Amino acid sequence: SGRAPGANQELKRLISGDLPAEITTQLRRLLRHEVFDENGGDERDVTALAYRRATFVARSLELRADELERDPRPLYVLHEWVPLLDGVTCTVLAIHYCLALGSIVIHGGGRPELAPFIAELERMESVGVFLATELGYGNNVASLETRAVYDAETREFVLSSPTPRSLKFMPNTGFPVPKIAVVMAR
């Protein structure tokens, strides 16, 4: 069949919904909360509501990065159930957990200087965003112009976008809430 040994069993497990009952019960309760009864108005209202919902879900679930790395199934439930009520909220949560927090944990996990950022994202005090897209190139990472140059004296990376087409853009970054960004650069 071309599948790795055990792939059929894993697929059956995922489809059969062997998720721990506490995860599904908690999420069902959260999705019945009054914040999901609210309606948005214009684009700004819809965006504000999505951030309120995402923050409510994240703070209620208290998902920890190390736990999600070991068992990502709570994210599977979020990705399956939340978009049934609000696709924008699902997008905010997916970028927050998968692209931002996940990138930090996978590529920098265990580094003590990143622990405060991970904790801040886990508590959803800041929303995680992922900045790969550039105005002139979309998300064609082979053409990225954004640069990250290490300054040995300050022990920091200095980011620069040398041309207008290299300015970073991600649809969910413009709304005014605290954010922590993972930035793709050369």
N, C-alpha and C. Protein backbone atom coordinates (compact mmCIF):
# COMPACT_ATOMS: atom_id res chain seq x y z
N SER A 1 0.82 -1.20 0.00
CA SER A 1 0.00 0.00 0.00
C SER A 1 0.86 1.26 0.00
N GLY A 2 2.16 1.14 0.26
CA GLY A 2 3.02 2.30 0.28
C GLY A 2 3.03 3.04 1.60
N ARG A 3 2.21 2.62 2.55
CA ARG A 3 2.17 3.29 3.86
C ARG A 3 3.17 2.65 4.80
N ALA A 4 3.61 3.44 5.72
CA ALA A 4 4.52 2.93 6.75
C ALA A 4 3.79 1.93 7.62
N PRO A 5 4.52 0.95 8.16
CA PRO A 5 3.86 -0.01 9.05
C PRO A 5 3.17 0.72 10.20
N GLY A 6 1.96 0.32 10.48
CA GLY A 6 1.22 0.93 11.57
C GLY A 6 0.42 2.15 11.16
N ALA A 7 0.58 2.61 9.91
CA ALA A 7 -0.13 3.82 9.48
C ALA A 7 -1.63 3.60 9.48
N ASN A 8 -2.08 2.42 9.06
CA ASN A 8 -3.52 2.14 9.06
C ASN A 8 -4.08 2.19 10.47
N GLN A 9 -3.35 1.62 11.40
CA GLN A 9 -3.79 1.62 12.79
C GLN A 9 -3.87 3.04 13.34
N GLU A 10 -2.86 3.86 13.01
CA GLU A 10 -2.86 5.25 13.48
C GLU A 10 -4.03 6.01 12.87
N LEU A 11 -4.29 5.80 11.58
CA LEU A 11 -5.40 6.48 10.93
C LEU A 11 -6.72 6.07 11.58
N LYS A 12 -6.90 4.79 11.84
CA LYS A 12 -8.11 4.31 12.51
C LYS A 12 -8.26 4.95 13.89
N ARG A 13 -7.14 5.06 14.61
CA ARG A 13 -7.17 5.65 15.95
C ARG A 13 -7.62 7.11 15.88
N LEU A 14 -7.08 7.85 14.92
CA LEU A 14 -7.44 9.26 14.79
C LEU A 14 -8.90 9.43 14.40
N ILE A 15 -9.36 8.62 13.46
CA ILE A 15 -10.74 8.73 12.99
C ILE A 15 -11.73 8.27 14.06
N SER A 16 -11.35 7.23 14.79
CA SER A 16 -12.28 6.68 15.78
C SER A 16 -12.47 7.60 16.97
N GLY A 17 -11.64 8.58 17.10
CA GLY A 17 -11.84 9.54 18.17
C GLY A 17 -11.47 9.02 19.54
N ASP A 18 -10.29 8.45 19.65
CA ASP A 18 -9.86 7.94 20.96
C ASP A 18 -9.27 9.04 21.82
N LEU A 19 -9.70 10.24 21.56
CA LEU A 19 -9.21 11.36 22.35
C LEU A 19 -9.69 11.23 23.79
N PRO A 20 -8.87 11.63 24.72
CA PRO A 20 -9.31 11.58 26.12
C PRO A 20 -10.60 12.36 26.32
N ALA A 21 -11.51 11.79 27.04
CA ALA A 21 -12.83 12.40 27.26
C ALA A 21 -12.72 13.78 27.88
N GLU A 22 -11.71 14.00 28.74
CA GLU A 22 -11.59 15.31 29.38
C GLU A 22 -11.33 16.41 28.35
N ILE A 23 -10.61 16.09 27.27
CA ILE A 23 -10.34 17.08 26.22
C ILE A 23 -11.63 17.43 25.49
N THR A 24 -12.34 16.42 25.03
CA THR A 24 -13.55 16.68 24.25
C THR A 24 -14.65 17.29 25.11
N THR A 25 -14.77 16.85 26.35
CA THR A 25 -15.79 17.42 27.25
C THR A 25 -15.50 18.88 27.52
N GLN A 26 -14.25 19.20 27.80
CA GLN A 26 -13.88 20.58 28.09
C GLN A 26 -14.12 21.47 26.87
N LEU A 27 -13.73 21.00 25.69
CA LEU A 27 -13.92 21.83 24.51
C LEU A 27 -15.40 22.00 24.18
N ARG A 28 -16.19 20.97 24.34
CA ARG A 28 -17.64 21.11 24.12
C ARG A 28 -18.21 22.20 25.03
N ARG A 29 -17.79 22.19 26.29
CA ARG A 29 -18.26 23.19 27.25
C ARG A 29 -17.83 24.59 26.82
N LEU A 30 -16.58 24.72 26.39
CA LEU A 30 -16.07 26.03 25.98
C LEU A 30 -16.81 26.56 24.76
N LEU A 31 -17.10 25.69 23.81
CA LEU A 31 -17.74 26.13 22.58
C LEU A 31 -19.22 26.47 22.78
N ARG A 32 -19.76 26.13 23.95
CA ARG A 32 -21.12 26.53 24.29
C ARG A 32 -21.15 27.86 25.05
N HIS A 33 -19.97 28.40 25.34
CA HIS A 33 -19.88 29.65 26.10
C HIS A 33 -20.51 30.80 25.30
N GLU A 34 -21.00 31.78 26.02
CA GLU A 34 -21.69 32.92 25.41
C GLU A 34 -20.83 33.71 24.43
N VAL A 35 -19.50 33.65 24.56
CA VAL A 35 -18.66 34.37 23.62
C VAL A 35 -18.87 33.85 22.19
N PHE A 36 -19.30 32.60 22.06
CA PHE A 36 -19.56 32.05 20.73
C PHE A 36 -20.98 32.35 20.24
N ASP A 37 -21.79 32.98 21.10
CA ASP A 37 -23.12 33.42 20.67
C ASP A 37 -23.09 34.83 20.10
N GLU A 38 -22.02 35.57 20.41
CA GLU A 38 -21.91 36.95 19.93
C GLU A 38 -21.78 36.96 18.42
N ASN A 39 -22.22 38.05 17.81
CA ASN A 39 -22.07 38.25 16.37
C ASN A 39 -21.17 39.43 16.11
N GLY A 40 -20.38 39.32 15.06
CA GLY A 40 -19.52 40.44 14.67
C GLY A 40 -20.30 41.38 13.77
N GLY A 41 -19.78 42.55 13.56
CA GLY A 41 -20.39 43.53 12.66
C GLY A 41 -19.53 43.69 11.43
N ASP A 42 -18.78 44.78 11.41
CA ASP A 42 -17.87 45.01 10.29
C ASP A 42 -16.61 44.16 10.46
N GLU A 43 -15.69 44.30 9.55
CA GLU A 43 -14.48 43.48 9.56
C GLU A 43 -13.69 43.63 10.86
N ARG A 44 -13.59 44.85 11.36
CA ARG A 44 -12.85 45.08 12.61
C ARG A 44 -13.54 44.38 13.78
N ASP A 45 -14.87 44.44 13.84
CA ASP A 45 -15.62 43.78 14.91
C ASP A 45 -15.44 42.27 14.85
N VAL A 46 -15.47 41.71 13.65
CA VAL A 46 -15.29 40.26 13.47
C VAL A 46 -13.90 39.85 13.94
N THR A 47 -12.90 40.66 13.59
CA THR A 47 -11.53 40.36 13.99
C THR A 47 -11.38 40.46 15.51
N ALA A 48 -11.92 41.49 16.11
CA ALA A 48 -11.85 41.66 17.56
C ALA A 48 -12.52 40.48 18.26
N LEU A 49 -13.66 40.07 17.74
CA LEU A 49 -14.37 38.94 18.33
C LEU A 49 -13.55 37.65 18.21
N ALA A 50 -12.90 37.45 17.07
CA ALA A 50 -12.07 36.26 16.89
C ALA A 50 -10.92 36.23 17.90
N TYR A 51 -10.31 37.37 18.14
CA TYR A 51 -9.23 37.42 19.14
C TYR A 51 -9.77 37.18 20.55
N ARG A 52 -10.94 37.72 20.86
CA ARG A 52 -11.55 37.45 22.18
C ARG A 52 -11.83 35.96 22.33
N ARG A 53 -12.38 35.36 21.29
CA ARG A 53 -12.68 33.93 21.34
C ARG A 53 -11.41 33.09 21.46
N ALA A 54 -10.41 33.42 20.67
CA ALA A 54 -9.16 32.67 20.71
C ALA A 54 -8.51 32.77 22.09
N THR A 55 -8.52 33.97 22.65
CA THR A 55 -7.95 34.17 23.98
C THR A 55 -8.74 33.39 25.02
N PHE A 56 -10.06 33.43 24.93
CA PHE A 56 -10.91 32.69 25.85
C PHE A 56 -10.60 31.19 25.78
N VAL A 57 -10.54 30.65 24.59
CA VAL A 57 -10.26 29.21 24.43
C VAL A 57 -8.88 28.87 24.96
N ALA A 58 -7.87 29.64 24.56
CA ALA A 58 -6.50 29.34 24.97
C ALA A 58 -6.32 29.42 26.48
N ARG A 59 -6.88 30.47 27.08
CA ARG A 59 -6.73 30.61 28.53
C ARG A 59 -7.53 29.57 29.29
N SER A 60 -8.64 29.16 28.74
CA SER A 60 -9.45 28.12 29.40
C SER A 60 -8.79 26.75 29.31
N LEU A 61 -8.22 26.44 28.17
CA LEU A 61 -7.61 25.12 27.99
C LEU A 61 -6.23 25.01 28.65
N GLU A 62 -5.54 26.15 28.80
CA GLU A 62 -4.21 26.17 29.41
C GLU A 62 -3.28 25.13 28.79
N LEU A 63 -3.21 25.14 27.46
CA LEU A 63 -2.36 24.17 26.76
C LEU A 63 -0.90 24.56 26.90
N ARG A 64 -0.10 23.59 27.31
CA ARG A 64 1.34 23.83 27.49
C ARG A 64 2.09 23.28 26.28
N ALA A 65 3.10 24.01 25.87
CA ALA A 65 3.86 23.65 24.68
C ALA A 65 4.48 22.26 24.79
N ASP A 66 5.06 21.94 25.95
CA ASP A 66 5.69 20.63 26.09
C ASP A 66 4.66 19.50 26.03
N GLU A 67 3.48 19.75 26.56
CA GLU A 67 2.42 18.74 26.48
C GLU A 67 1.93 18.56 25.05
N LEU A 68 1.80 19.65 24.32
CA LEU A 68 1.36 19.57 22.92
C LEU A 68 2.40 18.90 22.04
N GLU A 69 3.66 19.08 22.39
CA GLU A 69 4.72 18.41 21.62
C GLU A 69 4.63 16.89 21.82
N ARG A 70 4.33 16.48 23.04
CA ARG A 70 4.17 15.04 23.31
C ARG A 70 2.87 14.48 22.77
N ASP A 71 1.80 15.26 22.85
CA ASP A 71 0.48 14.78 22.43
C ASP A 71 -0.29 15.93 21.78
N PRO A 72 -0.24 16.03 20.45
CA PRO A 72 -0.89 17.14 19.76
C PRO A 72 -2.40 16.97 19.58
N ARG A 73 -2.97 15.91 20.11
CA ARG A 73 -4.40 15.65 19.88
C ARG A 73 -5.32 16.79 20.32
N PRO A 74 -5.03 17.53 21.39
CA PRO A 74 -5.92 18.66 21.69
C PRO A 74 -5.97 19.68 20.54
N LEU A 75 -4.87 19.82 19.82
CA LEU A 75 -4.88 20.71 18.66
C LEU A 75 -5.74 20.16 17.54
N TYR A 76 -5.75 18.83 17.39
CA TYR A 76 -6.61 18.23 16.36
C TYR A 76 -8.07 18.58 16.62
N VAL A 77 -8.46 18.49 17.88
CA VAL A 77 -9.85 18.80 18.23
C VAL A 77 -10.13 20.27 17.97
N LEU A 78 -9.22 21.15 18.37
CA LEU A 78 -9.40 22.58 18.10
C LEU A 78 -9.59 22.83 16.60
N HIS A 79 -8.73 22.20 15.80
CA HIS A 79 -8.79 22.43 14.35
C HIS A 79 -10.03 21.83 13.70
N GLU A 80 -10.62 20.85 14.32
CA GLU A 80 -11.84 20.24 13.77
C GLU A 80 -13.10 20.95 14.23
N TRP A 81 -13.15 21.40 15.48
CA TRP A 81 -14.39 21.89 16.06
C TRP A 81 -14.54 23.41 16.01
N VAL A 82 -13.48 24.16 16.29
CA VAL A 82 -13.59 25.61 16.35
C VAL A 82 -14.03 26.21 15.00
N PRO A 83 -13.51 25.73 13.86
CA PRO A 83 -13.94 26.37 12.60
C PRO A 83 -15.41 26.16 12.27
N LEU A 84 -16.06 25.21 12.93
CA LEU A 84 -17.49 25.04 12.72
C LEU A 84 -18.26 26.25 13.25
N LEU A 85 -17.67 26.94 14.22
CA LEU A 85 -18.30 28.13 14.79
C LEU A 85 -17.67 29.42 14.27
N ASP A 86 -16.35 29.40 14.03
CA ASP A 86 -15.68 30.63 13.63
C ASP A 86 -14.32 30.30 13.00
N GLY A 87 -14.26 30.43 11.68
CA GLY A 87 -13.03 30.14 10.95
C GLY A 87 -11.90 31.10 11.28
N VAL A 88 -12.22 32.36 11.57
CA VAL A 88 -11.19 33.34 11.88
C VAL A 88 -10.53 32.99 13.22
N THR A 89 -11.33 32.60 14.19
CA THR A 89 -10.78 32.18 15.48
C THR A 89 -9.86 30.98 15.31
N CYS A 90 -10.29 30.03 14.48
CA CYS A 90 -9.46 28.85 14.23
C CYS A 90 -8.12 29.25 13.61
N THR A 91 -8.15 30.20 12.69
CA THR A 91 -6.91 30.66 12.05
C THR A 91 -5.98 31.30 13.07
N VAL A 92 -6.52 32.14 13.94
CA VAL A 92 -5.70 32.78 14.98
C VAL A 92 -5.07 31.70 15.87
N LEU A 93 -5.85 30.71 16.29
CA LEU A 93 -5.33 29.65 17.15
C LEU A 93 -4.31 28.78 16.42
N ALA A 94 -4.55 28.48 15.16
CA ALA A 94 -3.61 27.65 14.39
C ALA A 94 -2.27 28.34 14.23
N ILE A 95 -2.29 29.62 13.89
CA ILE A 95 -1.03 30.36 13.74
C ILE A 95 -0.34 30.46 15.10
N HIS A 96 -1.11 30.75 16.13
CA HIS A 96 -0.55 30.90 17.47
C HIS A 96 0.15 29.61 17.93
N TYR A 97 -0.59 28.50 17.90
CA TYR A 97 -0.05 27.25 18.43
C TYR A 97 0.91 26.55 17.48
N CYS A 98 0.54 26.45 16.22
CA CYS A 98 1.32 25.62 15.29
C CYS A 98 2.52 26.37 14.70
N LEU A 99 2.29 27.55 14.16
CA LEU A 99 3.37 28.26 13.48
C LEU A 99 4.28 29.02 14.44
N ALA A 100 3.71 29.71 15.41
CA ALA A 100 4.54 30.52 16.31
C ALA A 100 5.09 29.68 17.47
N LEU A 101 4.21 29.26 18.35
CA LEU A 101 4.66 28.49 19.53
C LEU A 101 5.36 27.20 19.11
N GLY A 102 4.79 26.50 18.14
CA GLY A 102 5.40 25.26 17.67
C GLY A 102 6.79 25.47 17.11
N SER A 103 7.00 26.53 16.33
CA SER A 103 8.32 26.83 15.77
C SER A 103 9.33 27.12 16.87
N ILE A 104 8.92 27.89 17.86
CA ILE A 104 9.84 28.22 18.95
C ILE A 104 10.24 26.95 19.70
N VAL A 105 9.28 26.09 19.99
CA VAL A 105 9.57 24.88 20.74
C VAL A 105 10.44 23.92 19.93
N ILE A 106 10.10 23.73 18.67
CA ILE A 106 10.85 22.78 17.84
C ILE A 106 12.27 23.27 17.56
N HIS A 107 12.42 24.56 17.27
CA HIS A 107 13.73 25.07 16.87
C HIS A 107 14.51 25.71 18.01
N GLY A 108 13.86 25.97 19.13
CA GLY A 108 14.58 26.63 20.21
C GLY A 108 14.24 26.08 21.57
N GLY A 109 13.48 24.99 21.60
CA GLY A 109 13.09 24.41 22.88
C GLY A 109 14.29 24.05 23.73
N GLY A 110 14.15 24.24 25.00
CA GLY A 110 15.24 23.94 25.92
C GLY A 110 16.20 25.10 26.13
N ARG A 111 16.04 26.18 25.36
CA ARG A 111 16.90 27.35 25.55
C ARG A 111 16.27 28.24 26.61
N PRO A 112 16.95 28.43 27.72
CA PRO A 112 16.34 29.16 28.84
C PRO A 112 15.92 30.59 28.49
N GLU A 113 16.61 31.23 27.56
CA GLU A 113 16.25 32.61 27.23
C GLU A 113 14.91 32.69 26.49
N LEU A 114 14.43 31.56 25.95
CA LEU A 114 13.13 31.54 25.27
C LEU A 114 11.98 31.18 26.20
N ALA A 115 12.29 30.67 27.37
CA ALA A 115 11.25 30.22 28.31
C ALA A 115 10.22 31.31 28.63
N PRO A 116 10.62 32.56 28.86
CA PRO A 116 9.60 33.58 29.15
C PRO A 116 8.64 33.81 27.97
N PHE A 117 9.16 33.71 26.75
CA PHE A 117 8.29 33.90 25.58
C PHE A 117 7.32 32.73 25.43
N ILE A 118 7.82 31.53 25.66
CA ILE A 118 6.96 30.34 25.60
C ILE A 118 5.86 30.45 26.64
N ALA A 119 6.23 30.83 27.86
CA ALA A 119 5.24 30.96 28.93
C ALA A 119 4.20 32.03 28.60
N GLU A 120 4.64 33.14 28.03
CA GLU A 120 3.73 34.22 27.67
C GLU A 120 2.73 33.76 26.59
N LEU A 121 3.23 32.98 25.64
CA LEU A 121 2.36 32.43 24.60
C LEU A 121 1.41 31.38 25.17
N GLU A 122 1.91 30.54 26.06
CA GLU A 122 1.05 29.53 26.69
C GLU A 122 -0.10 30.17 27.45
N ARG A 123 0.17 31.29 28.12
CA ARG A 123 -0.87 32.00 28.88
C ARG A 123 -1.71 32.91 27.99
N MET A 124 -1.37 32.98 26.72
CA MET A 124 -2.04 33.83 25.73
C MET A 124 -2.07 35.29 26.19
N GLU A 125 -0.98 35.70 26.83
CA GLU A 125 -0.82 37.12 27.15
C GLU A 125 -0.42 37.87 25.90
N SER A 126 0.21 37.17 24.97
CA SER A 126 0.51 37.67 23.64
C SER A 126 0.08 36.61 22.66
N VAL A 127 -0.32 37.06 21.48
CA VAL A 127 -0.73 36.14 20.42
C VAL A 127 0.49 35.87 19.55
N GLY A 128 0.71 34.62 19.24
CA GLY A 128 1.82 34.25 18.38
C GLY A 128 1.48 34.47 16.92
N VAL A 129 2.41 35.10 16.19
CA VAL A 129 2.25 35.28 14.75
C VAL A 129 3.50 34.76 14.06
N PHE A 130 3.38 34.47 12.79
CA PHE A 130 4.46 33.88 12.00
C PHE A 130 4.66 34.76 10.77
N LEU A 131 5.82 35.39 10.68
CA LEU A 131 6.06 36.35 9.62
C LEU A 131 7.02 35.78 8.58
N ALA A 132 6.45 35.11 7.59
CA ALA A 132 7.22 34.63 6.45
C ALA A 132 6.88 35.45 5.22
N THR A 133 5.62 35.80 5.07
CA THR A 133 5.11 36.46 3.87
C THR A 133 5.69 37.86 3.72
N GLU A 134 6.14 38.16 2.50
CA GLU A 134 6.61 39.50 2.16
C GLU A 134 5.72 40.07 1.07
N LEU A 135 5.51 41.37 1.11
CA LEU A 135 4.58 42.01 0.17
C LEU A 135 4.89 41.69 -1.29
N GLY A 136 6.15 41.66 -1.65
CA GLY A 136 6.51 41.45 -3.05
C GLY A 136 6.63 40.01 -3.47
N TYR A 137 6.63 39.08 -2.51
CA TYR A 137 6.91 37.69 -2.84
C TYR A 137 5.89 36.71 -2.29
N GLY A 138 4.92 37.19 -1.55
CA GLY A 138 4.02 36.25 -0.89
C GLY A 138 4.81 35.43 0.09
N ASN A 139 4.58 34.13 0.10
CA ASN A 139 5.35 33.28 1.02
C ASN A 139 6.36 32.42 0.26
N ASN A 140 6.91 32.97 -0.80
CA ASN A 140 7.97 32.31 -1.56
C ASN A 140 9.28 32.50 -0.78
N VAL A 141 9.57 31.59 0.12
CA VAL A 141 10.71 31.76 1.03
C VAL A 141 12.04 31.75 0.29
N ALA A 142 12.09 31.21 -0.90
CA ALA A 142 13.34 31.24 -1.67
C ALA A 142 13.70 32.66 -2.08
N SER A 143 12.72 33.56 -2.12
CA SER A 143 12.96 34.94 -2.54
C SER A 143 12.97 35.92 -1.37
N LEU A 144 12.98 35.43 -0.15
CA LEU A 144 12.96 36.32 1.01
C LEU A 144 14.08 37.36 0.92
N GLU A 145 13.73 38.60 1.24
CA GLU A 145 14.74 39.65 1.30
C GLU A 145 15.03 40.08 2.73
N THR A 146 14.13 39.79 3.64
CA THR A 146 14.34 40.19 5.04
C THR A 146 15.64 39.55 5.53
N ARG A 147 16.41 40.34 6.24
CA ARG A 147 17.71 39.88 6.74
C ARG A 147 17.72 39.89 8.26
N ALA A 148 18.43 38.93 8.82
CA ALA A 148 18.70 38.88 10.25
C ALA A 148 20.21 38.82 10.40
N VAL A 149 20.80 39.87 10.93
CA VAL A 149 22.25 39.95 11.08
C VAL A 149 22.56 39.96 12.57
N TYR A 150 23.44 39.05 12.97
CA TYR A 150 23.80 38.94 14.38
C TYR A 150 24.79 40.04 14.76
N ASP A 151 24.49 40.77 15.82
CA ASP A 151 25.37 41.79 16.37
C ASP A 151 26.04 41.19 17.60
N ALA A 152 27.30 40.83 17.46
CA ALA A 152 28.01 40.15 18.54
C ALA A 152 28.14 41.03 19.78
N GLU A 153 28.23 42.34 19.59
CA GLU A 153 28.38 43.23 20.73
C GLU A 153 27.14 43.25 21.62
N THR A 154 25.96 43.32 21.00
CA THR A 154 24.71 43.36 21.78
C THR A 154 24.12 41.96 21.97
N ARG A 155 24.69 40.99 21.26
CA ARG A 155 24.20 39.60 21.29
C ARG A 155 22.72 39.53 20.88
N GLU A 156 22.41 40.28 19.83
CA GLU A 156 21.05 40.33 19.30
C GLU A 156 21.08 40.22 17.78
N PHE A 157 19.97 39.81 17.24
CA PHE A 157 19.80 39.83 15.79
C PHE A 157 19.14 41.16 15.41
N VAL A 158 19.65 41.78 14.38
CA VAL A 158 19.07 43.00 13.86
C VAL A 158 18.33 42.63 12.57
N LEU A 159 17.02 42.86 12.59
CA LEU A 159 16.19 42.54 11.43
C LEU A 159 16.08 43.75 10.52
N SER A 160 16.10 43.51 9.22
CA SER A 160 15.89 44.60 8.28
C SER A 160 15.16 44.08 7.05
N SER A 161 14.31 44.93 6.53
CA SER A 161 13.62 44.68 5.27
C SER A 161 14.14 45.75 4.31
N PRO A 162 15.10 45.40 3.46
CA PRO A 162 15.81 46.41 2.68
C PRO A 162 15.02 47.09 1.57
N THR A 163 13.92 46.51 1.15
CA THR A 163 13.12 47.11 0.07
C THR A 163 11.65 47.10 0.46
N PRO A 164 10.84 47.95 -0.15
CA PRO A 164 9.40 47.93 0.16
C PRO A 164 8.76 46.56 -0.10
N ARG A 165 9.22 45.85 -1.11
CA ARG A 165 8.61 44.54 -1.39
C ARG A 165 9.00 43.47 -0.36
N SER A 166 10.00 43.77 0.49
CA SER A 166 10.41 42.80 1.50
C SER A 166 9.72 43.04 2.85
N LEU A 167 8.81 44.01 2.91
CA LEU A 167 8.09 44.25 4.16
C LEU A 167 7.25 43.03 4.50
N LYS A 168 7.29 42.63 5.76
CA LYS A 168 6.56 41.46 6.21
C LYS A 168 5.07 41.77 6.28
N PHE A 169 4.29 40.74 5.97
CA PHE A 169 2.85 40.89 5.99
C PHE A 169 2.22 39.55 6.35
N MET A 170 1.35 39.59 7.32
CA MET A 170 0.54 38.42 7.67
C MET A 170 -0.81 39.00 8.03
N PRO A 171 -1.89 38.48 7.46
CA PRO A 171 -3.20 39.09 7.66
C PRO A 171 -3.58 39.34 9.12
N ASN A 172 -3.17 38.48 10.04
CA ASN A 172 -3.61 38.66 11.41
C ASN A 172 -2.67 39.52 12.24
N THR A 173 -1.73 40.20 11.63
CA THR A 173 -0.76 40.96 12.42
C THR A 173 -1.16 42.40 12.66
N GLY A 174 -2.10 42.93 11.91
CA GLY A 174 -2.44 44.34 12.02
C GLY A 174 -3.33 44.70 13.18
N PHE A 175 -4.07 43.73 13.70
CA PHE A 175 -5.00 44.03 14.78
C PHE A 175 -4.23 44.31 16.06
N PRO A 176 -4.60 45.37 16.81
CA PRO A 176 -3.81 45.80 17.96
C PRO A 176 -4.02 44.96 19.23
N VAL A 177 -3.31 43.85 19.31
CA VAL A 177 -3.21 43.06 20.54
C VAL A 177 -1.73 42.73 20.71
N PRO A 178 -1.28 42.48 21.93
CA PRO A 178 0.13 42.11 22.12
C PRO A 178 0.47 40.85 21.33
N LYS A 179 1.64 40.87 20.69
CA LYS A 179 2.05 39.75 19.85
C LYS A 179 3.51 39.41 20.07
N ILE A 180 3.83 38.16 19.81
CA ILE A 180 5.20 37.68 19.72
C ILE A 180 5.30 37.04 18.35
N ALA A 181 6.31 37.47 17.57
CA ALA A 181 6.43 36.98 16.20
C ALA A 181 7.64 36.10 16.00
N VAL A 182 7.44 35.06 15.21
CA VAL A 182 8.54 34.27 14.66
C VAL A 182 8.74 34.86 13.27
N VAL A 183 9.95 35.32 12.98
CA VAL A 183 10.24 35.99 11.72
C VAL A 183 11.18 35.14 10.88
N MET A 184 10.75 34.86 9.65
CA MET A 184 11.64 34.17 8.71
C MET A 184 12.50 35.21 8.01
N ALA A 185 13.81 34.96 8.02
CA ALA A 185 14.75 35.89 7.42
C ALA A 185 15.97 35.13 6.96
N ARG A 186 16.75 35.79 6.14
CA ARG A 186 18.04 35.22 5.70
C ARG A 186 19.09 35.56 6.75
